[in-house]
Amino acid sequence: MAGWMRLAAIAAAVGLAGPACAQKPEDTEAHSPVPPVVTPGAQPGAPPSDAIVLFGGADLREWVAVRDKGPAGWSVEDGTLVVKLAAGNIETKRTFGSYQLHIEWRVPAGVAGSGQLRGNSGVFLASTGPGDAGYELQILDSYRNPTYVNGQAASLYKQAPPLANAMRPPGEWQVYDVVWTAPTFAPDGALKTPAKVTAFHNGVLVQNDVALAGPTRFIGKPAYAPHGRAPIKLQAHAGGGPVSFRNIWVRPLD
């Protein structure tokens, strides 16, 4: 190969030949839009500066009862929110599209029962109707407590088991960090994009951009019906002792 041909081949291989020679580093630099400044929490798990605090330990001003939209009937004890079964499920007064959620929960140290009857509750990432209508991220004592895998802690109930069982023992605080991408619908009600969930349990990735087939169903296959922004709901379940919550905050992403 002639010397000039050899040089041309080398130049092409390293990106120096042709139009690329005229490109500059700044051609691929973006300067807008400038991301907003968000101040992180002072310690891990603390709400950042742009978060909406849904429960900070003092009161239930951000919550209502699901059944009649009246005052949420759960109790606040020593800075924690405690499930009261007779009061039923509670949900946020505000509605949300896509968001980042932080929530901490605990089953009693002396929890009894087994399977689904052991510290059962749930976070409905979008509450789409009364009762247990919505998309549920399961809460359950799954520490040495076998049950069906798509119903254990950190499962997307009856749809996706967690990638790992990251449970701490009963009586210790558990942490969920969740990114919820709300579904979208066409004007005629047809599904455009499904709901998606990424979740960490105690810092461990347990749901990785999972696309849901629809809202949770206890019996039967899930299916979508069109809906808009929705509250976040917490479940009052009869199984295995009252679950407690603390440090709940959300960052809207839309």
Protein backbone atom coordinates (compact mmCIF):
# COMPACT_ATOMS: atom_id res chain seq x y z
CA MET A 1 0.00 0.00 0.00
CA ALA A 2 1.32 3.44 -0.92
CA GLY A 3 2.34 5.71 1.92
CA TRP A 4 -0.51 8.20 1.38
CA MET A 5 -3.08 5.40 1.24
CA ARG A 6 -1.75 3.96 4.49
CA LEU A 7 -2.04 7.38 6.19
CA ALA A 8 -5.59 7.85 4.89
CA ALA A 9 -6.61 4.46 6.29
CA ILE A 10 -5.14 5.30 9.69
CA ALA A 11 -6.86 8.70 9.71
CA ALA A 12 -10.22 7.11 8.89
CA ALA A 13 -9.77 4.53 11.66
CA VAL A 14 -9.18 7.17 14.32
CA GLY A 15 -11.92 9.52 13.09
CA LEU A 16 -9.70 12.19 11.54
CA ALA A 17 -10.84 11.87 7.95
CA GLY A 18 -13.77 13.53 6.23
CA PRO A 19 -16.26 15.97 7.83
CA ALA A 20 -15.28 14.94 11.36
CA CYS A 21 -12.07 16.88 10.93
CA ALA A 22 -14.10 20.11 11.05
CA GLN A 23 -15.98 19.24 14.24
CA LYS A 24 -15.17 20.90 17.56
CA PRO A 25 -15.74 19.72 21.15
CA GLU A 26 -18.34 22.44 21.76
CA ASP A 27 -20.48 21.10 18.90
CA THR A 28 -21.75 18.39 21.25
CA GLU A 29 -22.05 20.51 24.41
CA ALA A 30 -25.53 21.42 25.70
CA HIS A 31 -26.03 24.55 27.80
CA SER A 32 -29.81 24.54 28.33
CA PRO A 33 -32.15 23.87 29.91
CA VAL A 34 -30.19 24.25 33.13
CA PRO A 35 -31.19 21.61 35.74
CA PRO A 36 -32.80 23.06 38.89
CA VAL A 37 -30.74 23.15 42.06
CA VAL A 38 -31.96 20.60 44.62
CA THR A 39 -30.37 20.50 48.07
CA PRO A 40 -30.05 16.90 49.32
CA GLY A 41 -31.32 15.95 52.75
CA ALA A 42 -28.93 16.50 55.63
CA GLN A 43 -28.67 12.74 56.14
CA PRO A 44 -29.54 9.64 54.11
CA GLY A 45 -33.30 9.31 53.71
CA ALA A 46 -34.05 12.91 54.69
CA PRO A 47 -36.25 14.79 52.21
CA PRO A 48 -34.46 16.96 49.65
CA SER A 49 -35.39 20.60 49.24
CA ASP A 50 -37.99 20.04 46.51
CA ALA A 51 -39.81 17.14 48.21
CA ILE A 52 -43.40 17.16 49.46
CA VAL A 53 -43.39 15.68 52.96
CA LEU A 54 -46.40 13.39 53.27
CA PHE A 55 -45.65 12.31 56.83
CA GLY A 56 -42.93 13.88 58.96
CA GLY A 57 -43.95 12.50 62.35
CA ALA A 58 -46.47 15.09 63.56
CA ASP A 59 -49.88 14.75 61.91
CA LEU A 60 -52.01 13.38 59.07
CA ARG A 61 -52.82 16.65 57.33
CA GLU A 62 -51.76 15.20 53.95
CA TRP A 63 -54.05 12.14 54.22
CA VAL A 64 -57.74 11.22 54.07
CA ALA A 65 -59.76 8.04 54.55
CA VAL A 66 -60.32 6.24 51.25
CA ARG A 67 -63.91 5.23 52.01
CA ASP A 68 -65.39 8.70 52.58
CA LYS A 69 -62.53 11.19 52.06
CA GLY A 70 -62.92 12.22 55.70
CA PRO A 71 -60.06 12.53 58.21
CA ALA A 72 -57.58 9.67 58.11
CA GLY A 73 -58.30 7.49 61.13
CA TRP A 74 -54.85 6.04 61.73
CA SER A 75 -52.89 7.10 64.81
CA VAL A 76 -49.64 8.99 65.32
CA GLU A 77 -47.61 7.40 68.12
CA ASP A 78 -44.12 8.62 69.07
CA GLY A 79 -43.60 10.16 65.66
CA THR A 80 -44.78 7.12 63.68
CA LEU A 81 -47.94 6.50 61.70
CA VAL A 82 -49.68 3.31 62.86
CA VAL A 83 -52.28 1.38 60.88
CA LYS A 84 -55.75 1.23 62.45
CA LEU A 85 -57.63 -1.59 60.79
CA ALA A 86 -61.10 -0.29 61.62
CA ALA A 87 -60.33 3.01 59.89
CA GLY A 88 -59.58 1.32 56.57
CA ASN A 89 -57.15 2.42 53.89
CA ILE A 90 -55.86 5.98 53.72
CA GLU A 91 -54.63 7.99 50.73
CA THR A 92 -53.02 11.33 50.02
CA LYS A 93 -55.13 14.42 49.50
CA ARG A 94 -52.87 15.32 46.59
CA THR A 95 -52.77 13.47 43.31
CA PHE A 96 -49.63 12.64 41.39
CA GLY A 97 -48.41 11.59 37.98
CA SER A 98 -44.86 10.23 37.86
CA TYR A 99 -42.75 10.65 40.98
CA GLN A 100 -39.94 9.54 43.29
CA LEU A 101 -41.14 8.16 46.63
CA HIS A 102 -39.34 7.47 49.90
CA ILE A 103 -41.19 5.55 52.61
CA GLU A 104 -40.04 3.70 55.74
CA TRP A 105 -42.10 0.98 57.41
CA ARG A 106 -41.86 -1.52 60.24
CA VAL A 107 -43.69 -4.65 61.34
CA PRO A 108 -43.90 -5.29 65.11
CA ALA A 109 -40.98 -7.08 66.72
CA GLY A 110 -43.33 -9.72 68.10
CA VAL A 111 -45.26 -10.24 64.87
CA ALA A 112 -47.19 -13.52 64.74
CA GLY A 113 -48.60 -15.58 61.93
CA SER A 114 -47.08 -16.84 58.70
CA GLY A 115 -47.29 -16.29 54.98
CA GLN A 116 -49.56 -13.39 54.06
CA LEU A 117 -50.79 -13.09 57.66
CA ARG A 118 -47.56 -11.59 58.94
CA GLY A 119 -47.28 -7.80 58.96
CA ASN A 120 -49.26 -7.32 55.78
CA SER A 121 -49.86 -3.89 54.24
CA GLY A 122 -49.13 -2.22 50.92
CA VAL A 123 -48.19 0.98 49.15
CA PHE A 124 -50.53 1.64 46.23
CA LEU A 125 -48.39 3.75 43.94
CA ALA A 126 -51.52 5.08 42.25
CA SER A 127 -54.90 4.64 43.90
CA THR A 128 -57.43 4.25 41.10
CA GLY A 129 -60.58 3.64 43.13
CA PRO A 130 -62.07 2.55 46.46
CA GLY A 131 -60.79 -0.33 48.52
CA ASP A 132 -57.65 -1.93 47.14
CA ALA A 133 -57.93 -0.55 43.60
CA GLY A 134 -54.56 0.58 42.27
CA TYR A 135 -50.99 -0.57 41.73
CA GLU A 136 -49.58 -2.25 44.84
CA LEU A 137 -46.01 -2.53 46.04
CA GLN A 138 -46.32 -5.19 48.73
CA ILE A 139 -45.44 -4.69 52.39
CA LEU A 140 -45.01 -7.90 54.37
CA ASP A 141 -42.64 -9.47 56.88
CA SER A 142 -40.62 -11.62 54.50
CA TYR A 143 -37.81 -12.30 56.96
CA ARG A 144 -37.66 -16.12 57.10
CA ASN A 145 -41.34 -16.21 56.15
CA PRO A 146 -41.98 -18.13 52.90
CA THR A 147 -44.97 -17.23 50.73
CA TYR A 148 -45.68 -16.98 47.00
CA VAL A 149 -42.84 -14.92 45.51
CA ASN A 150 -45.03 -12.39 43.71
CA GLY A 151 -46.67 -11.64 47.06
CA GLN A 152 -43.62 -11.24 49.30
CA ALA A 153 -42.19 -7.91 50.43
CA ALA A 154 -41.12 -5.60 47.57
CA SER A 155 -43.12 -7.55 44.99
CA LEU A 156 -45.41 -5.75 42.61
CA TYR A 157 -48.29 -7.75 43.98
CA LYS A 158 -49.30 -10.69 41.79
CA GLN A 159 -47.19 -9.35 38.90
CA ALA A 160 -43.45 -9.20 39.62
CA PRO A 161 -41.43 -10.82 42.42
CA PRO A 162 -38.50 -8.80 43.78
CA LEU A 163 -35.03 -9.40 42.41
CA ALA A 164 -33.81 -10.06 45.97
CA ASN A 165 -35.16 -10.50 49.49
CA ALA A 166 -33.58 -7.56 51.33
CA MET A 167 -35.63 -7.81 54.54
CA ARG A 168 -34.34 -6.80 57.92
CA PRO A 169 -35.78 -8.68 60.94
CA PRO A 170 -39.17 -7.72 62.43
CA GLY A 171 -38.98 -4.66 64.64
CA GLU A 172 -36.37 -2.97 62.42
CA TRP A 173 -37.19 -0.21 59.95
CA GLN A 174 -37.44 -1.11 56.27
CA VAL A 175 -36.90 1.47 53.51
CA TYR A 176 -38.47 1.66 50.06
CA ASP A 177 -37.19 4.12 47.46
CA VAL A 178 -39.39 4.04 44.39
CA VAL A 179 -39.54 5.65 40.97
CA TRP A 180 -43.10 5.46 39.63
CA THR A 181 -43.72 6.23 35.96
CA ALA A 182 -47.44 6.74 35.46
CA PRO A 183 -49.17 5.11 32.49
CA THR A 184 -50.44 7.26 29.64
CA PHE A 185 -53.57 6.84 27.56
CA ALA A 186 -54.77 8.00 24.15
CA PRO A 187 -57.91 10.17 23.84
CA ASP A 188 -59.95 7.06 23.07
CA GLY A 189 -58.75 5.38 26.29
CA ALA A 190 -56.25 3.03 24.65
CA LEU A 191 -53.01 2.45 26.52
CA LYS A 192 -50.10 4.47 25.07
CA THR A 193 -47.36 3.61 27.58
CA PRO A 194 -47.60 1.24 30.57
CA ALA A 195 -46.86 2.09 34.18
CA LYS A 196 -43.28 1.31 35.18
CA VAL A 197 -41.62 0.82 38.56
CA THR A 198 -38.03 0.91 39.73
CA ALA A 199 -37.65 0.19 43.45
CA PHE A 200 -34.94 -0.26 46.06
CA HIS A 201 -35.53 -2.10 49.35
CA ASN A 202 -33.01 -1.15 52.04
CA GLY A 203 -30.71 0.11 49.30
CA VAL A 204 -30.97 -3.08 47.22
CA LEU A 205 -32.45 -2.93 43.70
CA VAL A 206 -35.58 -5.10 43.76
CA GLN A 207 -37.61 -3.86 40.75
CA ASN A 208 -35.74 -2.69 37.65
CA ASP A 209 -37.90 -0.58 35.30
CA VAL A 210 -40.68 -3.17 35.40
CA ALA A 211 -43.64 -2.56 33.08
CA LEU A 212 -46.96 -3.41 34.71
CA ALA A 213 -49.81 -5.17 32.91
CA GLY A 214 -52.37 -3.03 34.73
CA PRO A 215 -53.55 -2.28 38.27
CA THR A 216 -53.28 -4.99 40.92
CA ARG A 217 -55.87 -7.74 41.02
CA PHE A 218 -56.12 -10.30 43.81
CA ILE A 219 -57.93 -12.73 41.47
CA GLY A 220 -57.46 -12.75 37.71
CA LYS A 221 -55.20 -11.00 35.25
CA PRO A 222 -54.57 -7.25 35.44
CA ALA A 223 -55.89 -4.97 32.71
CA TYR A 224 -55.74 -1.23 32.17
CA ALA A 225 -58.59 1.25 32.32
CA PRO A 226 -57.78 4.89 31.53
CA HIS A 227 -57.10 7.19 34.47
CA GLY A 228 -55.25 10.39 35.23
CA ARG A 229 -53.31 11.63 38.21
CA ALA A 230 -53.98 9.61 41.35
CA PRO A 231 -53.35 9.61 45.11
CA ILE A 232 -50.84 7.37 46.88
CA LYS A 233 -52.62 4.88 49.14
CA LEU A 234 -51.57 2.90 52.23
CA GLN A 235 -53.37 -0.34 53.03
CA ALA A 236 -55.00 -1.38 56.28
CA HIS A 237 -54.72 -5.18 56.17
CA ALA A 238 -55.86 -7.67 58.77
CA GLY A 239 -52.76 -9.83 58.48
CA GLY A 240 -50.38 -10.13 61.39
CA GLY A 241 -50.19 -7.01 63.51
CA PRO A 242 -50.20 -3.26 62.87
CA VAL A 243 -47.59 -1.91 60.48
CA SER A 244 -45.99 1.48 61.26
CA PHE A 245 -44.68 4.15 58.87
CA ARG A 246 -42.38 7.15 59.10
CA ASN A 247 -40.46 9.61 56.91
CA ILE A 248 -42.71 9.59 53.82
CA TRP A 249 -41.90 12.08 51.07
CA VAL A 250 -42.42 12.41 47.34
CA ARG A 251 -40.81 14.34 44.48
CA PRO A 252 -43.12 14.86 41.49
CA LEU A 253 -41.29 14.13 38.23
CA ASP A 254 -43.77 15.54 35.73
